[in-house]
Amino acid sequence: MRALVLEEKGKLSLRDVPGPAAAGPGEVRIAVHTVGICGSDVHYYTHGRIGPFVVEAPMILGHEAAGTVIETGPGVTHLKPGDRVCMEPGIPDPASRAAKMGLYNVDPAVRFWATPPVDGCLMPEVVHPAAFTYRLPDSVSFAEGAMVEPFAIGMQAALRARIRPGDVAVVTGAGPIGMMTALAALAGGCAKVIVADLAQPKLDIIGAYDGIETVNIRRTPAAAAVAEATGGWGADVVFECSGAAPAILGLPALACPGGAVVLVGMPVDPVPMDIVGLQAKELRIETVFRYANVYDRAIALMGSGKVDLKPLISATLPFEDSIAAFDRAVEARDADVKLQITLPG
């Protein structure tokens, strides 16, 4: 079957690859319907690596996916052929110390789709562990199902923040993950979320949601806007989702005394931090790497209608136009949030 293959840095192809084997014990075979393009996919395409993960051989891209179960392996009882599902792309070693502690996202042995040398899911069929495959509610489309993966990162950030009802939060960075984090923070109990960025089209998109206020930092410094919105006290929680060095350096000015800072964005290179500024307010620092044990919660929120991710889907392209879709993602258009690819059949 055909797949979208990253042959090497800067070179994509649509070509035949071996299809998956039959579903084994505890596995399901899935006809893939929709796959989202993630920033990590784009980074592997343009740079050939992310930190220690280096593309050294051809690799199938894609890890944000939804589809239909077409076969179940022995021992699978909670899924059946015809079920509409989404798939959690990281498969940990259940015997690992991290997995047994419930921290399977940081399991050194985790096999994560489209992270070298593991192939992703931009192909017509995949076989996946049933334990990491989730049935979608009837009210959640395939397109929304493929958004569960990035929304899970926002959910992880909100859980790490330990939000209290009525908190005011700030999100620095209005990229896809920043938007997901803002919506997860609202769902988690925040009374208001202030999103700061310099791309006005993205701010317009996220600002259309109730409970979201936006700040264009080209015109107003984030710290000034937060001070005005909080009577000079600062935000209870600050989610840093840009990975930009100036935003990270400016975090202490955004948070209230005793508040929390959650580091979600991943800088390409090491960046400076204002340690004394953090200490002077006794700010609690949390970090996020992917997610663990949140898919059920994310799907439940989406199925209930309390979180609507449809406005964040900017364009959907057919599988035959996958390379063009990735080239558009590389452009990073101001009005694009999430691009998705649909597979035939």
Protein backbone atom coordinates (compact mmCIF):
# COMPACT_ATOMS: atom_id res chain seq x y z
CA MET A 1 0.00 0.00 0.00
CA ARG A 2 1.07 3.61 -0.53
CA ALA A 3 2.39 5.76 2.28
CA LEU A 4 3.82 9.25 2.74
CA VAL A 5 7.51 8.59 3.32
CA LEU A 6 10.16 11.02 4.50
CA GLU A 7 13.05 9.66 2.44
CA GLU A 8 15.57 12.07 3.94
CA LYS A 9 15.70 15.64 5.17
CA GLY A 10 13.73 17.80 2.72
CA LYS A 11 12.49 14.93 0.54
CA LEU A 12 9.02 13.37 0.70
CA SER A 13 7.52 10.72 -1.55
CA LEU A 14 4.25 8.86 -1.96
CA ARG A 15 5.27 5.27 -2.64
CA ASP A 16 4.42 1.65 -1.99
CA VAL A 17 5.41 0.13 1.33
CA PRO A 18 4.63 -3.26 2.87
CA GLY A 19 1.18 -3.36 4.46
CA PRO A 20 0.68 -4.26 8.11
CA ALA A 21 0.34 -7.84 9.25
CA ALA A 22 -2.87 -9.26 10.61
CA ALA A 23 -3.90 -8.07 14.06
CA GLY A 24 -2.21 -10.14 16.75
CA PRO A 25 -3.27 -10.76 20.35
CA GLY A 26 -4.46 -7.54 21.93
CA GLU A 27 -4.24 -5.63 18.65
CA VAL A 28 -6.62 -4.11 16.13
CA ARG A 29 -6.20 -3.37 12.43
CA ILE A 30 -7.53 0.04 11.47
CA ALA A 31 -8.45 1.67 8.17
CA VAL A 32 -7.00 5.16 8.58
CA HIS A 33 -9.38 7.96 7.65
CA THR A 34 -7.86 11.28 8.77
CA VAL A 35 -4.33 12.27 9.83
CA GLY A 36 -3.30 15.67 11.15
CA ILE A 37 0.03 17.31 10.31
CA CYS A 38 1.97 18.05 13.49
CA GLY A 39 4.81 20.49 13.97
CA SER A 40 7.12 17.58 14.73
CA ASP A 41 6.31 16.00 11.35
CA VAL A 42 7.19 19.29 9.67
CA HIS A 43 10.38 19.65 11.71
CA TYR A 44 11.58 16.20 10.69
CA TYR A 45 10.85 17.16 7.07
CA THR A 46 12.72 20.46 7.22
CA HIS A 47 15.51 19.65 9.69
CA GLY A 48 15.83 15.87 9.70
CA ARG A 49 15.97 15.71 13.46
CA ILE A 50 14.48 16.85 16.77
CA GLY A 51 17.07 16.78 19.53
CA PRO A 52 18.44 13.24 19.80
CA PHE A 53 15.86 11.83 17.36
CA VAL A 54 17.54 11.79 13.94
CA VAL A 55 16.06 10.59 10.65
CA GLU A 56 18.70 8.11 9.47
CA ALA A 57 16.45 5.98 7.23
CA PRO A 58 13.18 6.48 5.33
CA MET A 59 10.27 6.94 7.75
CA ILE A 60 6.49 7.13 7.30
CA LEU A 61 5.15 10.35 8.82
CA GLY A 62 1.97 11.07 10.80
CA HIS A 63 0.79 10.38 14.34
CA GLU A 64 -2.50 12.29 14.80
CA ALA A 65 -5.05 9.84 13.44
CA ALA A 66 -8.58 8.51 13.42
CA GLY A 67 -10.11 5.64 11.47
CA THR A 68 -12.29 2.53 11.54
CA VAL A 69 -11.52 -0.86 13.09
CA ILE A 70 -11.52 -3.55 10.40
CA GLU A 71 -10.09 -6.49 12.37
CA THR A 72 -9.62 -7.40 16.01
CA GLY A 73 -7.01 -9.78 17.33
CA PRO A 74 -7.44 -12.45 20.00
CA GLY A 75 -8.35 -11.10 23.41
CA VAL A 76 -9.81 -7.80 22.23
CA THR A 77 -13.29 -7.36 23.71
CA HIS A 78 -13.93 -3.60 23.93
CA LEU A 79 -13.66 -2.93 20.18
CA LYS A 80 -15.21 -4.53 17.10
CA PRO A 81 -15.02 -4.10 13.31
CA GLY A 82 -16.86 -0.96 12.27
CA ASP A 83 -16.00 1.03 15.40
CA ARG A 84 -14.83 4.56 14.71
CA VAL A 85 -11.67 5.18 16.73
CA CYS A 86 -8.68 7.37 17.36
CA MET A 87 -5.29 6.06 18.31
CA GLU A 88 -2.82 7.14 20.97
CA PRO A 89 0.48 7.03 19.09
CA GLY A 90 2.89 6.20 21.91
CA ILE A 91 3.28 2.54 22.88
CA PRO A 92 5.21 2.07 26.14
CA ASP A 93 6.80 -1.04 27.55
CA PRO A 94 4.22 -2.16 30.15
CA ALA A 95 7.00 -3.72 32.22
CA SER A 96 9.05 -0.51 32.39
CA ARG A 97 9.46 1.35 35.67
CA ALA A 98 7.97 4.52 34.14
CA ALA A 99 4.89 2.70 32.87
CA LYS A 100 4.28 1.04 36.22
CA MET A 101 4.44 4.48 37.85
CA GLY A 102 1.83 5.79 35.40
CA LEU A 103 4.40 7.95 33.62
CA TYR A 104 4.46 5.99 30.40
CA ASN A 105 4.96 9.16 28.33
CA VAL A 106 8.52 9.39 29.65
CA ASP A 107 9.26 5.68 29.27
CA PRO A 108 12.67 5.55 27.53
CA ALA A 109 11.47 2.49 25.63
CA VAL A 110 8.25 4.06 24.30
CA ARG A 111 7.64 3.52 20.57
CA PHE A 112 5.98 6.65 19.21
CA TRP A 113 4.62 6.92 15.68
CA ALA A 114 6.76 9.01 13.33
CA THR A 115 9.62 9.36 15.80
CA PRO A 116 12.81 7.82 14.34
CA PRO A 117 13.13 4.94 13.74
CA VAL A 118 9.37 4.19 14.21
CA ASP A 119 7.08 4.58 11.21
CA GLY A 120 3.96 6.71 11.48
CA CYS A 121 0.41 6.25 10.22
CA LEU A 122 0.09 8.18 6.93
CA MET A 123 -0.92 5.03 5.11
CA PRO A 124 -4.27 3.29 4.46
CA GLU A 125 -4.05 0.71 7.27
CA VAL A 126 -2.22 0.28 10.56
CA VAL A 127 -2.12 -2.32 13.32
CA HIS A 128 -2.18 -0.86 16.83
CA PRO A 129 -2.57 -2.07 20.42
CA ALA A 130 -6.24 -2.13 21.37
CA ALA A 131 -5.33 -0.69 24.78
CA PHE A 132 -4.26 2.53 23.05
CA THR A 133 -7.21 2.66 20.64
CA TYR A 134 -10.31 4.60 21.71
CA ARG A 135 -13.87 4.47 20.39
CA LEU A 136 -15.18 7.86 19.25
CA PRO A 137 -18.63 9.08 20.31
CA ASP A 138 -21.14 9.40 17.48
CA SER A 139 -20.99 13.18 17.85
CA VAL A 140 -17.23 13.31 17.19
CA SER A 141 -16.18 13.21 13.54
CA PHE A 142 -13.03 11.58 12.15
CA ALA A 143 -11.53 15.06 11.71
CA GLU A 144 -12.16 15.84 15.37
CA GLY A 145 -10.91 12.39 16.34
CA ALA A 146 -7.58 13.20 14.71
CA MET A 147 -7.46 16.32 16.94
CA VAL A 148 -7.55 14.30 20.15
CA GLU A 149 -3.78 13.80 20.03
CA PRO A 150 -2.80 17.49 20.09
CA PHE A 151 -5.66 18.27 22.50
CA ALA A 152 -4.23 15.62 24.84
CA ILE A 153 -1.11 17.77 25.20
CA GLY A 154 -3.28 20.67 26.32
CA MET A 155 -5.05 18.34 28.72
CA GLN A 156 -1.73 17.19 30.14
CA ALA A 157 -0.69 20.82 30.64
CA ALA A 158 -3.95 21.67 32.40
CA LEU A 159 -3.60 18.71 34.72
CA ARG A 160 0.01 19.59 35.52
CA ALA A 161 -1.09 23.13 36.36
CA ARG A 162 -3.47 21.91 39.11
CA ILE A 163 -6.04 24.50 38.10
CA ARG A 164 -8.46 25.71 40.75
CA PRO A 165 -11.95 26.85 39.75
CA GLY A 166 -11.88 30.53 38.88
CA ASP A 167 -8.17 30.74 38.08
CA VAL A 168 -6.92 33.23 35.51
CA ALA A 169 -4.45 31.72 33.06
CA VAL A 170 -2.10 33.08 30.44
CA VAL A 171 -0.94 31.17 27.37
CA THR A 172 2.09 32.48 25.53
CA GLY A 173 1.99 31.29 21.93
CA ALA A 174 -1.14 30.85 19.79
CA GLY A 175 0.05 27.92 17.73
CA PRO A 176 -1.98 24.70 17.66
CA ILE A 177 -0.71 23.53 21.05
CA GLY A 178 -1.20 26.96 22.63
CA MET A 179 -4.81 26.98 21.43
CA MET A 180 -5.38 23.44 22.67
CA THR A 181 -3.90 24.38 26.05
CA ALA A 182 -6.11 27.45 26.33
CA LEU A 183 -9.25 25.40 25.67
CA ALA A 184 -8.14 22.67 28.08
CA ALA A 185 -7.49 25.32 30.75
CA LEU A 186 -11.03 26.66 30.33
CA ALA A 187 -12.46 23.16 30.50
CA GLY A 188 -10.36 22.55 33.60
CA GLY A 189 -11.97 25.41 35.51
CA CYS A 190 -10.25 28.64 34.56
CA ALA A 191 -12.54 31.65 34.55
CA LYS A 192 -10.51 33.37 31.86
CA VAL A 193 -7.54 32.60 29.63
CA ILE A 194 -5.41 35.33 28.09
CA VAL A 195 -3.59 34.22 24.93
CA ALA A 196 -0.57 36.25 23.81
CA ASP A 197 1.02 36.05 20.37
CA LEU A 198 2.18 38.27 17.51
CA ALA A 199 0.11 36.67 14.70
CA GLN A 200 -3.24 38.48 14.66
CA PRO A 201 -5.03 35.93 12.43
CA LYS A 202 -4.33 33.18 14.97
CA LEU A 203 -5.43 35.43 17.82
CA ASP A 204 -8.66 36.12 15.95
CA ILE A 205 -9.35 32.38 15.70
CA ILE A 206 -8.78 31.55 19.36
CA GLY A 207 -10.31 34.84 20.50
CA ALA A 208 -13.66 33.81 19.03
CA TYR A 209 -14.11 31.33 21.90
CA ASP A 210 -15.98 32.45 25.02
CA GLY A 211 -13.65 32.95 27.95
CA ILE A 212 -10.60 33.73 25.81
CA GLU A 213 -8.99 37.17 25.68
CA THR A 214 -6.11 37.91 23.32
CA VAL A 215 -3.06 40.16 23.35
CA ASN A 216 -1.04 41.04 20.27
CA ILE A 217 2.45 41.49 21.68
CA ARG A 218 3.47 43.57 18.67
CA ARG A 219 1.26 46.30 20.15
CA THR A 220 1.04 45.57 23.86
CA PRO A 221 3.61 43.81 26.06
CA ALA A 222 2.13 40.65 27.52
CA ALA A 223 3.11 41.68 31.06
CA ALA A 224 1.26 45.00 30.73
CA ALA A 225 -1.89 43.32 29.42
CA VAL A 226 -1.86 40.72 32.19
CA ALA A 227 -1.29 43.35 34.86
CA GLU A 228 -4.25 45.36 33.57
CA ALA A 229 -6.50 42.29 33.44
CA THR A 230 -5.60 41.16 36.98
CA GLY A 231 -5.34 44.45 38.84
CA GLY A 232 -1.55 44.14 38.91
CA TRP A 233 -1.61 40.78 40.70
CA GLY A 234 -0.69 38.47 37.80
CA ALA A 235 -2.06 35.20 36.45
CA ASP A 236 -2.59 32.14 38.62
CA VAL A 237 -1.18 29.89 35.89
CA VAL A 238 1.10 30.69 32.97
CA PHE A 239 1.39 28.16 30.15
CA GLU A 240 4.45 28.77 27.97
CA CYS A 241 3.61 27.24 24.58
CA SER A 242 5.83 29.16 22.16
CA GLY A 243 9.27 27.80 22.99
CA ALA A 244 10.58 31.32 22.27
CA ALA A 245 13.49 32.53 24.39
CA PRO A 246 12.05 36.03 25.12
CA ALA A 247 8.74 34.52 26.27
CA ILE A 248 10.51 32.10 28.61
CA LEU A 249 12.69 34.86 30.04
CA GLY A 250 9.61 36.99 30.69
CA LEU A 251 7.56 34.35 32.53
CA PRO A 252 8.03 35.72 36.08
CA ALA A 253 6.42 39.02 35.09
CA LEU A 254 3.20 37.26 34.06
CA ALA A 255 2.53 35.11 37.12
CA CYS A 256 1.10 36.07 40.50
CA PRO A 257 3.00 35.32 43.72
CA GLY A 258 2.70 31.62 44.45
CA GLY A 259 1.42 30.90 40.96
CA ALA A 260 2.39 28.16 38.56
CA VAL A 261 4.41 28.14 35.34
CA VAL A 262 3.89 25.21 32.97
CA LEU A 263 6.51 24.72 30.27
CA VAL A 264 4.80 23.21 27.22
CA GLY A 265 6.65 24.63 24.20
CA MET A 266 10.00 23.06 23.33
CA PRO A 267 12.84 25.46 22.42
CA VAL A 268 15.09 24.30 19.60
CA ASP A 269 18.18 25.29 21.64
CA PRO A 270 18.78 25.88 25.35
CA VAL A 271 17.39 29.23 26.52
CA PRO A 272 18.04 31.48 29.54
CA MET A 273 15.60 31.66 32.46
CA ASP A 274 15.15 34.32 35.14
CA ILE A 275 15.68 32.05 38.13
CA VAL A 276 15.63 34.89 40.68
CA GLY A 277 12.41 36.23 39.18
CA LEU A 278 10.86 32.79 39.61
CA GLN A 279 12.19 32.46 43.14
CA ALA A 280 11.07 35.92 44.23
CA LYS A 281 7.45 34.90 43.65
CA GLU A 282 7.96 31.28 44.73
CA LEU A 283 6.53 30.13 41.43
CA ARG A 284 5.91 26.43 40.96
CA ILE A 285 7.40 25.11 37.72
CA GLU A 286 5.87 22.17 35.87
CA THR A 287 6.96 20.57 32.60
CA VAL A 288 5.05 18.69 29.93
CA PHE A 289 6.24 15.96 27.57
CA ARG A 290 3.44 14.50 25.45
CA TYR A 291 0.72 13.07 27.77
CA ALA A 292 -0.33 10.07 29.81
CA ASN A 293 -3.75 8.78 30.86
CA VAL A 294 -5.70 11.68 29.34
CA TYR A 295 -7.19 10.37 26.08
CA ASP A 296 -10.40 9.20 27.76
CA ARG A 297 -10.86 12.60 29.39
CA ALA A 298 -10.15 14.48 26.15
CA ILE A 299 -12.64 12.39 24.18
CA ALA A 300 -15.28 12.77 26.91
CA LEU A 301 -14.98 16.56 26.84
CA MET A 302 -15.24 16.63 23.05
CA GLY A 303 -18.17 14.22 23.02
CA SER A 304 -20.04 16.30 25.59
CA GLY A 305 -19.79 19.39 23.40
CA LYS A 306 -17.89 21.32 26.07
CA VAL A 307 -14.82 21.51 23.82
CA ASP A 308 -15.25 22.27 20.12
CA LEU A 309 -12.09 21.86 18.07
CA LYS A 310 -13.70 22.16 14.64
CA PRO A 311 -12.81 25.87 14.24
CA LEU A 312 -9.13 24.95 14.52
CA ILE A 313 -9.15 22.74 11.41
CA SER A 314 -7.91 25.11 8.71
CA ALA A 315 -7.88 22.84 5.65
CA THR A 316 -8.31 19.20 4.69
CA LEU A 317 -6.40 17.81 1.71
CA PRO A 318 -6.64 14.40 0.01
CA PHE A 319 -3.90 11.83 0.48
CA GLU A 320 -2.69 12.32 -3.12
CA ASP A 321 -1.87 15.92 -2.19
CA SER A 322 0.05 14.99 0.96
CA ILE A 323 3.33 16.50 -0.20
CA ALA A 324 1.59 19.76 -1.08
CA ALA A 325 -0.07 19.68 2.34
CA PHE A 326 3.31 19.38 4.04
CA ASP A 327 4.77 22.16 1.91
CA ARG A 328 1.87 24.37 2.99
CA ALA A 329 2.56 23.45 6.61
CA VAL A 330 6.18 24.50 6.13
CA GLU A 331 4.94 27.94 5.02
CA ALA A 332 3.37 28.38 8.49
CA ARG A 333 0.64 30.69 7.23
CA ASP A 334 -0.69 33.02 9.91
CA ALA A 335 -4.27 31.84 9.45
CA ASP A 336 -3.44 28.11 9.45
CA VAL A 337 -3.88 26.20 12.70
CA LYS A 338 -4.30 22.52 11.85
CA LEU A 339 -3.97 20.96 8.40
CA GLN A 340 -5.31 17.44 7.91
CA ILE A 341 -5.03 14.72 5.28
CA THR A 342 -7.82 12.25 4.41
CA LEU A 343 -7.05 8.83 3.04
CA PRO A 344 -9.02 7.14 0.25
CA GLY A 345 -11.72 4.63 1.08
